[in-house]
Amino acid sequence: DVTSTRATYGFTLNSCVMRPKSRGRVSLQTADPNATPIVYP
């Protein structure tokens, strides 16, 4: 979903926060077991 640059030779350095303080949750979308849950990361 991120607007990409043109495809070419390059590389990416990703920085990951290892001990995040943000907290999210998972809830049910419906009682249908085939439905994915709603996720709030």
Full PDB file with SEQRES, HELIX, SHEET, SSBOND, CRYST1, ORIGX, SCALE, CONECT and MASTER records, all heavy atoms in Angstrom:
SEQRES   1 A   41  ASP VAL THR SER THR ARG ALA THR TYR GLY PHE THR LEU          
SEQRES   2 A   41  ASN SER CYS VAL MET ARG PRO LYS SER ARG GLY ARG VAL          
SEQRES   3 A   41  SER LEU GLN THR ALA ASP PRO ASN ALA THR PRO ILE VAL          
SEQRES   4 A   41  TYR PRO                                                      
SHEET    1 AA1 2 ARG A  25  SER A  27  0                                        
SHEET    2 AA1 2 ILE A  38  TYR A  40 -1                                        
CRYST1    1.000    1.000    1.000  90.00  90.00  90.00 P 1           1          
ORIGX1      1.000000  0.000000  0.000000        0.00000                         
ORIGX2      0.000000  1.000000  0.000000        0.00000                         
ORIGX3      0.000000  0.000000  1.000000        0.00000                         
SCALE1      1.000000  0.000000  0.000000        0.00000                         
SCALE2      0.000000  1.000000  0.000000        0.00000                         
SCALE3      0.000000  0.000000  1.000000        0.00000                         
ATOM      1  N   ASP A   1       0.810  -1.218   0.000  1.00  0.00           N  
ATOM      2  CA  ASP A   1       0.000   0.000   0.000  1.00  0.00           C  
ATOM      3  C   ASP A   1       0.848   1.275   0.000  1.00  0.00           C  
ATOM      4  O   ASP A   1       0.314   2.385   0.025  1.00  0.00           O  
ATOM      5  CB  ASP A   1      -0.958   0.015   1.197  1.00  0.00           C  
ATOM      6  CG  ASP A   1      -0.251   0.273   2.524  1.00  0.00           C  
ATOM      7  OD1 ASP A   1       0.933  -0.105   2.639  1.00  0.00           O  
ATOM      8  OD2 ASP A   1      -0.876   0.846   3.427  1.00  0.00           O  
ATOM      9  N   VAL A   2       2.163   1.123  -0.025  1.00  0.00           N  
ATOM     10  CA  VAL A   2       3.052   2.281  -0.050  1.00  0.00           C  
ATOM     11  C   VAL A   2       3.419   2.579  -1.508  1.00  0.00           C  
ATOM     12  O   VAL A   2       3.785   1.686  -2.266  1.00  0.00           O  
ATOM     13  CB  VAL A   2       4.339   2.010   0.761  1.00  0.00           C  
ATOM     14  CG1 VAL A   2       5.287   3.201   0.663  1.00  0.00           C  
ATOM     15  CG2 VAL A   2       3.984   1.727   2.211  1.00  0.00           C  
ATOM     16  N   THR A   3       3.295   3.858  -1.880  1.00  0.00           N  
ATOM     17  CA  THR A   3       3.663   4.245  -3.239  1.00  0.00           C  
ATOM     18  C   THR A   3       5.111   3.869  -3.489  1.00  0.00           C  
ATOM     19  O   THR A   3       6.023   4.337  -2.814  1.00  0.00           O  
ATOM     20  CB  THR A   3       3.481   5.757  -3.445  1.00  0.00           C  
ATOM     21  OG1 THR A   3       2.119   6.085  -3.174  1.00  0.00           O  
ATOM     22  CG2 THR A   3       3.822   6.146  -4.865  1.00  0.00           C  
ATOM     23  N   SER A   4       5.331   3.012  -4.472  1.00  0.00           N  
ATOM     24  CA  SER A   4       6.666   2.481  -4.700  1.00  0.00           C  
ATOM     25  C   SER A   4       7.461   3.359  -5.652  1.00  0.00           C  
ATOM     26  O   SER A   4       6.915   4.132  -6.432  1.00  0.00           O  
ATOM     27  CB  SER A   4       6.571   1.064  -5.263  1.00  0.00           C  
ATOM     28  OG  SER A   4       7.853   0.518  -5.442  1.00  0.00           O  
ATOM     29  N   THR A   5       8.753   3.224  -5.550  1.00  0.00           N  
ATOM     30  CA  THR A   5       9.650   3.853  -6.506  1.00  0.00           C  
ATOM     31  C   THR A   5       9.797   2.916  -7.695  1.00  0.00           C  
ATOM     32  O   THR A   5       9.284   1.801  -7.698  1.00  0.00           O  
ATOM     33  CB  THR A   5      11.019   4.086  -5.861  1.00  0.00           C  
ATOM     34  OG1 THR A   5      11.531   2.820  -5.437  1.00  0.00           O  
ATOM     35  CG2 THR A   5      10.901   4.994  -4.656  1.00  0.00           C  
ATOM     36  N   ARG A   6      10.502   3.345  -8.713  1.00  0.00           N  
ATOM     37  CA  ARG A   6      10.686   2.472  -9.872  1.00  0.00           C  
ATOM     38  C   ARG A   6      11.523   1.252  -9.478  1.00  0.00           C  
ATOM     39  O   ARG A   6      12.355   1.313  -8.568  1.00  0.00           O  
ATOM     40  CB  ARG A   6      11.369   3.236 -11.001  1.00  0.00           C  
ATOM     41  CG  ARG A   6      12.765   3.728 -10.688  1.00  0.00           C  
ATOM     42  CD  ARG A   6      13.325   4.555 -11.842  1.00  0.00           C  
ATOM     43  NE  ARG A   6      14.584   5.201 -11.491  1.00  0.00           N  
ATOM     44  CZ  ARG A   6      15.778   4.634 -11.672  1.00  0.00           C  
ATOM     45  NH1 ARG A   6      15.863   3.432 -12.182  1.00  0.00           N  
ATOM     46  NH2 ARG A   6      16.876   5.285 -11.334  1.00  0.00           N  
ATOM     47  N   ALA A   7      11.289   0.163 -10.182  1.00  0.00           N  
ATOM     48  CA  ALA A   7      12.034  -1.064  -9.922  1.00  0.00           C  
ATOM     49  C   ALA A   7      13.433  -0.947 -10.526  1.00  0.00           C  
ATOM     50  O   ALA A   7      13.584  -0.692 -11.717  1.00  0.00           O  
ATOM     51  CB  ALA A   7      11.305  -2.251 -10.522  1.00  0.00           C  
ATOM     52  N   THR A   8      14.433  -1.117  -9.683  1.00  0.00           N  
ATOM     53  CA  THR A   8      15.808  -1.030 -10.154  1.00  0.00           C  
ATOM     54  C   THR A   8      16.726  -1.634  -9.108  1.00  0.00           C  
ATOM     55  O   THR A   8      16.283  -2.127  -8.067  1.00  0.00           O  
ATOM     56  CB  THR A   8      16.205   0.438 -10.437  1.00  0.00           C  
ATOM     57  OG1 THR A   8      17.495   0.463 -11.064  1.00  0.00           O  
ATOM     58  CG2 THR A   8      16.249   1.247  -9.149  1.00  0.00           C  
ATOM     59  N   TYR A   9      18.017  -1.599  -9.353  1.00  0.00           N  
ATOM     60  CA  TYR A   9      18.994  -2.094  -8.387  1.00  0.00           C  
ATOM     61  C   TYR A   9      19.013  -1.154  -7.182  1.00  0.00           C  
ATOM     62  O   TYR A   9      19.163   0.057  -7.319  1.00  0.00           O  
ATOM     63  CB  TYR A   9      20.381  -2.171  -9.027  1.00  0.00           C  
ATOM     64  CG  TYR A   9      20.473  -3.216 -10.104  1.00  0.00           C  
ATOM     65  CD1 TYR A   9      20.247  -2.888 -11.443  1.00  0.00           C  
ATOM     66  CD2 TYR A   9      20.749  -4.538  -9.787  1.00  0.00           C  
ATOM     67  CE1 TYR A   9      20.308  -3.862 -12.441  1.00  0.00           C  
ATOM     68  CE2 TYR A   9      20.817  -5.510 -10.776  1.00  0.00           C  
ATOM     69  CZ  TYR A   9      20.595  -5.165 -12.094  1.00  0.00           C  
ATOM     70  OH  TYR A   9      20.652  -6.134 -13.069  1.00  0.00           O  
ATOM     71  N   GLY A  10      18.845  -1.733  -6.013  1.00  0.00           N  
ATOM     72  CA  GLY A  10      18.831  -0.934  -4.796  1.00  0.00           C  
ATOM     73  C   GLY A  10      18.775  -1.825  -3.577  1.00  0.00           C  
ATOM     74  O   GLY A  10      18.841  -3.061  -3.669  1.00  0.00           O  
ATOM     75  N   PHE A  11      18.635  -1.206  -2.422  1.00  0.00           N  
ATOM     76  CA  PHE A  11      18.530  -1.977  -1.182  1.00  0.00           C  
ATOM     77  C   PHE A  11      17.732  -1.181  -0.156  1.00  0.00           C  
ATOM     78  O   PHE A  11      17.507   0.032  -0.317  1.00  0.00           O  
ATOM     79  CB  PHE A  11      19.905  -2.363  -0.632  1.00  0.00           C  
ATOM     80  CG  PHE A  11      20.774  -1.205  -0.235  1.00  0.00           C  
ATOM     81  CD1 PHE A  11      20.816  -0.747   1.078  1.00  0.00           C  
ATOM     82  CD2 PHE A  11      21.587  -0.572  -1.178  1.00  0.00           C  
ATOM     83  CE1 PHE A  11      21.635   0.304   1.440  1.00  0.00           C  
ATOM     84  CE2 PHE A  11      22.405   0.481  -0.818  1.00  0.00           C  
ATOM     85  CZ  PHE A  11      22.428   0.924   0.497  1.00  0.00           C  
ATOM     86  N   THR A  12      17.300  -1.872   0.884  1.00  0.00           N  
ATOM     87  CA  THR A  12      16.449  -1.290   1.917  1.00  0.00           C  
ATOM     88  C   THR A  12      17.039  -1.592   3.288  1.00  0.00           C  
ATOM     89  O   THR A  12      17.423  -2.735   3.557  1.00  0.00           O  
ATOM     90  CB  THR A  12      15.024  -1.893   1.838  1.00  0.00           C  
ATOM     91  OG1 THR A  12      14.531  -1.768   0.505  1.00  0.00           O  
ATOM     92  CG2 THR A  12      14.087  -1.189   2.805  1.00  0.00           C  
ATOM     93  N   LEU A  13      17.116  -0.594   4.136  1.00  0.00           N  
ATOM     94  CA  LEU A  13      17.474  -0.776   5.543  1.00  0.00           C  
ATOM     95  C   LEU A  13      16.221  -0.517   6.374  1.00  0.00           C  
ATOM     96  O   LEU A  13      15.692   0.601   6.387  1.00  0.00           O  
ATOM     97  CB  LEU A  13      18.595   0.172   5.962  1.00  0.00           C  
ATOM     98  CG  LEU A  13      19.918   0.055   5.204  1.00  0.00           C  
ATOM     99  CD1 LEU A  13      20.970   0.966   5.831  1.00  0.00           C  
ATOM    100  CD2 LEU A  13      20.419  -1.386   5.160  1.00  0.00           C  
ATOM    101  N   ASN A  14      15.736  -1.554   7.032  1.00  0.00           N  
ATOM    102  CA  ASN A  14      14.534  -1.440   7.865  1.00  0.00           C  
ATOM    103  C   ASN A  14      14.926  -1.390   9.332  1.00  0.00           C  
ATOM    104  O   ASN A  14      15.683  -2.247   9.812  1.00  0.00           O  
ATOM    105  CB  ASN A  14      13.609  -2.630   7.636  1.00  0.00           C  
ATOM    106  CG  ASN A  14      12.762  -2.473   6.396  1.00  0.00           C  
ATOM    107  OD1 ASN A  14      12.325  -1.369   6.081  1.00  0.00           O  
ATOM    108  ND2 ASN A  14      12.517  -3.561   5.682  1.00  0.00           N  
ATOM    109  N   SER A  15      14.398  -0.401  10.048  1.00  0.00           N  
ATOM    110  CA  SER A  15      14.648  -0.263  11.484  1.00  0.00           C  
ATOM    111  C   SER A  15      13.415  -0.709  12.251  1.00  0.00           C  
ATOM    112  O   SER A  15      12.321  -0.172  12.058  1.00  0.00           O  
ATOM    113  CB  SER A  15      14.985   1.189  11.834  1.00  0.00           C  
ATOM    114  OG  SER A  15      16.193   1.574  11.235  1.00  0.00           O  
ATOM    115  N   CYS A  16      13.605  -1.687  13.115  1.00  0.00           N  
ATOM    116  CA  CYS A  16      12.517  -2.291  13.883  1.00  0.00           C  
ATOM    117  C   CYS A  16      12.653  -1.935  15.360  1.00  0.00           C  
ATOM    118  O   CYS A  16      13.713  -2.146  15.962  1.00  0.00           O  
ATOM    119  CB  CYS A  16      12.555  -3.805  13.700  1.00  0.00           C  
ATOM    120  SG  CYS A  16      11.584  -4.747  14.883  1.00  0.00           S  
ATOM    121  N   VAL A  17      11.589  -1.393  15.953  1.00  0.00           N  
ATOM    122  CA  VAL A  17      11.545  -1.131  17.394  1.00  0.00           C  
ATOM    123  C   VAL A  17      11.289  -2.461  18.093  1.00  0.00           C  
ATOM    124  O   VAL A  17      10.234  -3.074  17.919  1.00  0.00           O  
ATOM    125  CB  VAL A  17      10.449  -0.113  17.746  1.00  0.00           C  
ATOM    126  CG1 VAL A  17      10.363   0.091  19.250  1.00  0.00           C  
ATOM    127  CG2 VAL A  17      10.718   1.220  17.042  1.00  0.00           C  
ATOM    128  N   MET A  18      12.254  -2.915  18.900  1.00  0.00           N  
ATOM    129  CA  MET A  18      12.183  -4.283  19.427  1.00  0.00           C  
ATOM    130  C   MET A  18      11.264  -4.443  20.629  1.00  0.00           C  
ATOM    131  O   MET A  18      10.713  -5.523  20.855  1.00  0.00           O  
ATOM    132  CB  MET A  18      13.586  -4.766  19.789  1.00  0.00           C  
ATOM    133  CG  MET A  18      14.483  -4.981  18.600  1.00  0.00           C  
ATOM    134  SD  MET A  18      15.938  -5.949  19.005  1.00  0.00           S  
ATOM    135  CE  MET A  18      16.786  -4.848  20.145  1.00  0.00           C  
ATOM    136  N   ARG A  19      11.124  -3.394  21.421  1.00  0.00           N  
ATOM    137  CA  ARG A  19      10.272  -3.489  22.613  1.00  0.00           C  
ATOM    138  C   ARG A  19       9.219  -2.385  22.556  1.00  0.00           C  
ATOM    139  O   ARG A  19       9.242  -1.443  23.352  1.00  0.00           O  
ATOM    140  CB  ARG A  19      11.120  -3.394  23.873  1.00  0.00           C  
ATOM    141  CG  ARG A  19      12.043  -4.595  24.085  1.00  0.00           C  
ATOM    142  CD  ARG A  19      13.210  -4.281  25.013  1.00  0.00           C  
ATOM    143  NE  ARG A  19      12.818  -3.874  26.336  1.00  0.00           N  
ATOM    144  CZ  ARG A  19      12.644  -4.696  27.371  1.00  0.00           C  
ATOM    145  NH1 ARG A  19      12.836  -5.995  27.202  1.00  0.00           N  
ATOM    146  NH2 ARG A  19      12.308  -4.242  28.554  1.00  0.00           N  
ATOM    147  N   PRO A  20       8.291  -2.476  21.598  1.00  0.00           N  
ATOM    148  CA  PRO A  20       7.316  -1.392  21.422  1.00  0.00           C  
ATOM    149  C   PRO A  20       6.447  -1.194  22.657  1.00  0.00           C  
ATOM    150  O   PRO A  20       6.080  -2.164  23.334  1.00  0.00           O  
ATOM    151  CB  PRO A  20       6.487  -1.862  20.219  1.00  0.00           C  
ATOM    152  CG  PRO A  20       6.641  -3.347  20.215  1.00  0.00           C  
ATOM    153  CD  PRO A  20       8.038  -3.605  20.700  1.00  0.00           C  
ATOM    154  N   LYS A  21       6.128   0.066  22.925  1.00  0.00           N  
ATOM    155  CA  LYS A  21       5.255   0.388  24.055  1.00  0.00           C  
ATOM    156  C   LYS A  21       3.792   0.491  23.641  1.00  0.00           C  
ATOM    157  O   LYS A  21       2.903   0.491  24.496  1.00  0.00           O  
ATOM    158  CB  LYS A  21       5.713   1.694  24.697  1.00  0.00           C  
ATOM    159  CG  LYS A  21       7.087   1.591  25.363  1.00  0.00           C  
ATOM    160  CD  LYS A  21       7.494   2.901  26.022  1.00  0.00           C  
ATOM    161  CE  LYS A  21       8.858   2.772  26.693  1.00  0.00           C  
ATOM    162  NZ  LYS A  21       9.303   4.048  27.310  1.00  0.00           N  
ATOM    163  N   SER A  22       3.545   0.610  22.341  1.00  0.00           N  
ATOM    164  CA  SER A  22       2.165   0.637  21.855  1.00  0.00           C  
ATOM    165  C   SER A  22       1.514  -0.719  22.098  1.00  0.00           C  
ATOM    166  O   SER A  22       2.157  -1.757  21.972  1.00  0.00           O  
ATOM    167  CB  SER A  22       2.129   0.961  20.366  1.00  0.00           C  
ATOM    168  OG  SER A  22       2.714   2.218  20.093  1.00  0.00           O  
ATOM    169  N   ARG A  23       0.246  -0.682  22.430  1.00  0.00           N  
ATOM    170  CA  ARG A  23      -0.518  -1.914  22.644  1.00  0.00           C  
ATOM    171  C   ARG A  23      -1.785  -1.874  21.798  1.00  0.00           C  
ATOM    172  O   ARG A  23      -2.458  -0.849  21.700  1.00  0.00           O  
ATOM    173  CB  ARG A  23      -0.901  -2.080  24.124  1.00  0.00           C  
ATOM    174  CG  ARG A  23       0.300  -2.276  25.055  1.00  0.00           C  
ATOM    175  CD  ARG A  23       0.966  -3.611  24.808  1.00  0.00           C  
ATOM    176  NE  ARG A  23       2.066  -3.868  25.720  1.00  0.00           N  
ATOM    177  CZ  ARG A  23       3.341  -3.562  25.481  1.00  0.00           C  
ATOM    178  NH1 ARG A  23       3.663  -2.972  24.328  1.00  0.00           N  
ATOM    179  NH2 ARG A  23       4.281  -3.839  26.349  1.00  0.00           N  
ATOM    180  N   GLY A  24      -2.089  -3.005  21.198  1.00  0.00           N  
ATOM    181  CA  GLY A  24      -3.282  -3.111  20.382  1.00  0.00           C  
ATOM    182  C   GLY A  24      -4.207  -4.181  20.908  1.00  0.00           C  
ATOM    183  O   GLY A  24      -4.096  -4.624  22.050  1.00  0.00           O  
ATOM    184  N   ARG A  25      -5.100  -4.626  20.050  1.00  0.00           N  
ATOM    185  CA  ARG A  25      -6.046  -5.668  20.471  1.00  0.00           C  
ATOM    186  C   ARG A  25      -6.606  -6.397  19.253  1.00  0.00           C  
ATOM    187  O   ARG A  25      -6.481  -5.935  18.113  1.00  0.00           O  
ATOM    188  CB  ARG A  25      -7.187  -5.080  21.296  1.00  0.00           C  
ATOM    189  CG  ARG A  25      -8.043  -4.062  20.572  1.00  0.00           C  
ATOM    190  CD  ARG A  25      -9.028  -3.400  21.531  1.00  0.00           C  
ATOM    191  NE  ARG A  25      -9.796  -2.354  20.880  1.00  0.00           N  
ATOM    192  CZ  ARG A  25     -10.969  -2.544  20.285  1.00  0.00           C  
ATOM    193  NH1 ARG A  25     -11.502  -3.768  20.243  1.00  0.00           N  
ATOM    194  NH2 ARG A  25     -11.604  -1.555  19.711  1.00  0.00           N  
ATOM    195  N   VAL A  26      -7.218  -7.527  19.536  1.00  0.00           N  
ATOM    196  CA  VAL A  26      -7.893  -8.339  18.526  1.00  0.00           C  
ATOM    197  C   VAL A  26      -9.319  -8.541  18.999  1.00  0.00           C  
ATOM    198  O   VAL A  26      -9.550  -8.911  20.152  1.00  0.00           O  
ATOM    199  CB  VAL A  26      -7.194  -9.706  18.353  1.00  0.00           C  
ATOM    200  CG1 VAL A  26      -7.956 -10.569  17.361  1.00  0.00           C  
ATOM    201  CG2 VAL A  26      -5.754  -9.531  17.908  1.00  0.00           C  
ATOM    202  N   SER A  27     -10.286  -8.289  18.128  1.00  0.00           N  
ATOM    203  CA  SER A  27     -11.681  -8.518  18.485  1.00  0.00           C  
ATOM    204  C   SER A  27     -12.372  -9.274  17.360  1.00  0.00           C  
ATOM    205  O   SER A  27     -11.864  -9.373  16.248  1.00  0.00           O  
ATOM    206  CB  SER A  27     -12.397  -7.195  18.776  1.00  0.00           C  
ATOM    207  OG  SER A  27     -12.452  -6.391  17.602  1.00  0.00           O  
ATOM    208  N   LEU A  28     -13.548  -9.786  17.664  1.00  0.00           N  
ATOM    209  CA  LEU A  28     -14.304 -10.533  16.665  1.00  0.00           C  
ATOM    210  C   LEU A  28     -15.046  -9.584  15.738  1.00  0.00           C  
ATOM    211  O   LEU A  28     -15.650  -8.602  16.182  1.00  0.00           O  
ATOM    212  CB  LEU A  28     -15.305 -11.470  17.339  1.00  0.00           C  
ATOM    213  CG  LEU A  28     -14.727 -12.642  18.134  1.00  0.00           C  
ATOM    214  CD1 LEU A  28     -15.862 -13.455  18.753  1.00  0.00           C  
ATOM    215  CD2 LEU A  28     -13.859 -13.534  17.260  1.00  0.00           C  
ATOM    216  N   GLN A  29     -15.016  -9.915  14.459  1.00  0.00           N  
ATOM    217  CA  GLN A  29     -15.791  -9.168  13.482  1.00  0.00           C  
ATOM    218  C   GLN A  29     -17.251  -9.634  13.526  1.00  0.00           C  
ATOM    219  O   GLN A  29     -18.175  -8.822  13.577  1.00  0.00           O  
ATOM    220  CB  GLN A  29     -15.182  -9.407  12.103  1.00  0.00           C  
ATOM    221  CG  GLN A  29     -15.746  -8.546  11.016  1.00  0.00           C  
ATOM    222  CD  GLN A  29     -14.972  -8.713   9.707  1.00  0.00           C  
ATOM    223  OE1 GLN A  29     -15.373  -8.171   8.703  1.00  0.00           O  
ATOM    224  NE2 GLN A  29     -13.880  -9.458   9.714  1.00  0.00           N  
ATOM    225  N   THR A  30     -17.427 -10.953  13.532  1.00  0.00           N  
ATOM    226  CA  THR A  30     -18.740 -11.576  13.661  1.00  0.00           C  
ATOM    227  C   THR A  30     -18.543 -12.886  14.419  1.00  0.00           C  
ATOM    228  O   THR A  30     -17.423 -13.262  14.770  1.00  0.00           O  
ATOM    229  CB  THR A  30     -19.365 -11.900  12.283  1.00  0.00           C  
ATOM    230  OG1 THR A  30     -18.658 -12.997  11.693  1.00  0.00           O  
ATOM    231  CG2 THR A  30     -19.297 -10.698  11.338  1.00  0.00           C  
ATOM    232  N   ALA A  31     -19.626 -13.581  14.645  1.00  0.00           N  
ATOM    233  CA  ALA A  31     -19.547 -14.901  15.278  1.00  0.00           C  
ATOM    234  C   ALA A  31     -19.281 -15.998  14.255  1.00  0.00           C  
ATOM    235  O   ALA A  31     -19.254 -17.183  14.609  1.00  0.00           O  
ATOM    236  CB  ALA A  31     -20.837 -15.195  16.038  1.00  0.00           C  
ATOM    237  N   ASP A  32     -19.079 -15.630  13.005  1.00  0.00           N  
ATOM    238  CA  ASP A  32     -18.763 -16.587  11.949  1.00  0.00           C  
ATOM    239  C   ASP A  32     -17.311 -17.026  12.080  1.00  0.00           C  
ATOM    240  O   ASP A  32     -16.398 -16.212  11.957  1.00  0.00           O  
ATOM    241  CB  ASP A  32     -18.991 -15.934  10.583  1.00  0.00           C  
ATOM    242  CG  ASP A  32     -18.687 -16.864   9.411  1.00  0.00           C  
ATOM    243  OD1 ASP A  32     -18.297 -18.027   9.662  1.00  0.00           O  
ATOM    244  OD2 ASP A  32     -18.820 -16.428   8.259  1.00  0.00           O  
ATOM    245  N   PRO A  33     -17.043 -18.301  12.323  1.00  0.00           N  
ATOM    246  CA  PRO A  33     -15.659 -18.755  12.502  1.00  0.00           C  
ATOM    247  C   PRO A  33     -14.797 -18.615  11.251  1.00  0.00           C  
ATOM    248  O   PRO A  33     -13.572 -18.673  11.328  1.00  0.00           O  
ATOM    249  CB  PRO A  33     -15.803 -20.217  12.904  1.00  0.00           C  
ATOM    250  CG  PRO A  33     -17.154 -20.626  12.415  1.00  0.00           C  
ATOM    251  CD  PRO A  33     -18.012 -19.403  12.492  1.00  0.00           C  
ATOM    252  N   ASN A  34     -15.432 -18.421  10.093  1.00  0.00           N  
ATOM    253  CA  ASN A  34     -14.667 -18.271   8.858  1.00  0.00           C  
ATOM    254  C   ASN A  34     -14.239 -16.830   8.602  1.00  0.00           C  
ATOM    255  O   ASN A  34     -13.476 -16.572   7.671  1.00  0.00           O  
ATOM    256  CB  ASN A  34     -15.502 -18.778   7.665  1.00  0.00           C  
ATOM    257  CG  ASN A  34     -15.755 -20.265   7.743  1.00  0.00           C  
ATOM    258  OD1 ASN A  34     -14.833 -21.064   7.811  1.00  0.00           O  
ATOM    259  ND2 ASN A  34     -17.032 -20.660   7.760  1.00  0.00           N  
ATOM    260  N   ALA A  35     -14.713 -15.900   9.407  1.00  0.00           N  
ATOM    261  CA  ALA A  35     -14.334 -14.498   9.253  1.00  0.00           C  
ATOM    262  C   ALA A  35     -13.036 -14.225   9.994  1.00  0.00           C  
ATOM    263  O   ALA A  35     -12.801 -14.769  11.085  1.00  0.00           O  
ATOM    264  CB  ALA A  35     -15.439 -13.591   9.778  1.00  0.00           C  
ATOM    265  N   THR A  36     -12.176 -13.407   9.408  1.00  0.00           N  
ATOM    266  CA  THR A  36     -10.958 -13.009  10.124  1.00  0.00           C  
ATOM    267  C   THR A  36     -11.324 -12.025  11.228  1.00  0.00           C  
ATOM    268  O   THR A  36     -12.320 -11.303  11.120  1.00  0.00           O  
ATOM    269  CB  THR A  36      -9.946 -12.357   9.166  1.00  0.00           C  
ATOM    270  OG1 THR A  36     -10.567 -11.244   8.520  1.00  0.00           O  
ATOM    271  CG2 THR A  36      -9.448 -13.342   8.127  1.00  0.00           C  
ATOM    272  N   PRO A  37     -10.556 -11.964  12.287  1.00  0.00           N  
ATOM    273  CA  PRO A  37     -10.845 -11.003  13.353  1.00  0.00           C  
ATOM    274  C   PRO A  37     -10.491  -9.582  12.923  1.00  0.00           C  
ATOM    275  O   PRO A  37      -9.836  -9.363  11.907  1.00  0.00           O  
ATOM    276  CB  PRO A  37      -9.945 -11.483  14.496  1.00  0.00           C  
ATOM    277  CG  PRO A  37      -8.804 -12.165  13.801  1.00  0.00           C  
ATOM    278  CD  PRO A  37      -9.388 -12.804  12.578  1.00  0.00           C  
ATOM    279  N   ILE A  38     -10.930  -8.624  13.712  1.00  0.00           N  
ATOM    280  CA  ILE A  38     -10.534  -7.238  13.513  1.00  0.00           C  
ATOM    281  C   ILE A  38      -9.275  -7.014  14.347  1.00  0.00           C  
ATOM    282  O   ILE A  38      -9.234  -7.331  15.536  1.00  0.00           O  
ATOM    283  CB  ILE A  38     -11.631  -6.263  13.960  1.00  0.00           C  
ATOM    284  CG1 ILE A  38     -12.953  -6.571  13.250  1.00  0.00           C  
ATOM    285  CG2 ILE A  38     -11.220  -4.823  13.675  1.00  0.00           C  
ATOM    286  CD1 ILE A  38     -14.122  -5.764  13.776  1.00  0.00           C  
ATOM    287  N   VAL A  39      -8.244  -6.467  13.725  1.00  0.00           N  
ATOM    288  CA  VAL A  39      -6.962  -6.285  14.403  1.00  0.00           C  
ATOM    289  C   VAL A  39      -6.652  -4.797  14.522  1.00  0.00           C  
ATOM    290  O   VAL A  39      -6.790  -4.044  13.558  1.00  0.00           O  
ATOM    291  CB  VAL A  39      -5.831  -7.002  13.632  1.00  0.00           C  
ATOM    292  CG1 VAL A  39      -4.509  -6.882  14.397  1.00  0.00           C  
ATOM    293  CG2 VAL A  39      -6.174  -8.463  13.401  1.00  0.00           C  
ATOM    294  N   TYR A  40      -6.254  -4.392  15.710  1.00  0.00           N  
ATOM    295  CA  TYR A  40      -5.834  -3.018  15.981  1.00  0.00           C  
ATOM    296  C   TYR A  40      -4.379  -3.054  16.449  1.00  0.00           C  
ATOM    297  O   TYR A  40      -4.110  -3.064  17.654  1.00  0.00           O  
ATOM    298  CB  TYR A  40      -6.704  -2.385  17.070  1.00  0.00           C  
ATOM    299  CG  TYR A  40      -8.184  -2.337  16.763  1.00  0.00           C  
ATOM    300  CD1 TYR A  40      -9.000  -3.452  16.977  1.00  0.00           C  
ATOM    301  CD2 TYR A  40      -8.780  -1.180  16.261  1.00  0.00           C  
ATOM    302  CE1 TYR A  40     -10.360  -3.418  16.706  1.00  0.00           C  
ATOM    303  CE2 TYR A  40     -10.145  -1.133  15.986  1.00  0.00           C  
ATOM    304  CZ  TYR A  40     -10.923  -2.250  16.215  1.00  0.00           C  
ATOM    305  OH  TYR A  40     -12.271  -2.212  15.939  1.00  0.00           O  
ATOM    306  N   PRO A  41      -3.407  -3.083  15.534  1.00  0.00           N  
ATOM    307  CA  PRO A  41      -2.011  -3.173  15.973  1.00  0.00           C  
ATOM    308  C   PRO A  41      -1.493  -1.892  16.619  1.00  0.00           C  
ATOM    309  O   PRO A  41      -0.556  -1.938  17.412  1.00  0.00           O  
ATOM    310  CB  PRO A  41      -1.254  -3.479  14.682  1.00  0.00           C  
ATOM    311  CG  PRO A  41      -2.130  -2.966  13.592  1.00  0.00           C  
ATOM    312  CD  PRO A  41      -3.541  -3.147  14.070  1.00  0.00           C  
TER     313      PRO A  41                                                      
MASTER        0    0    0    0    2    0    0    6  312    1    0    4          
END                                                                             
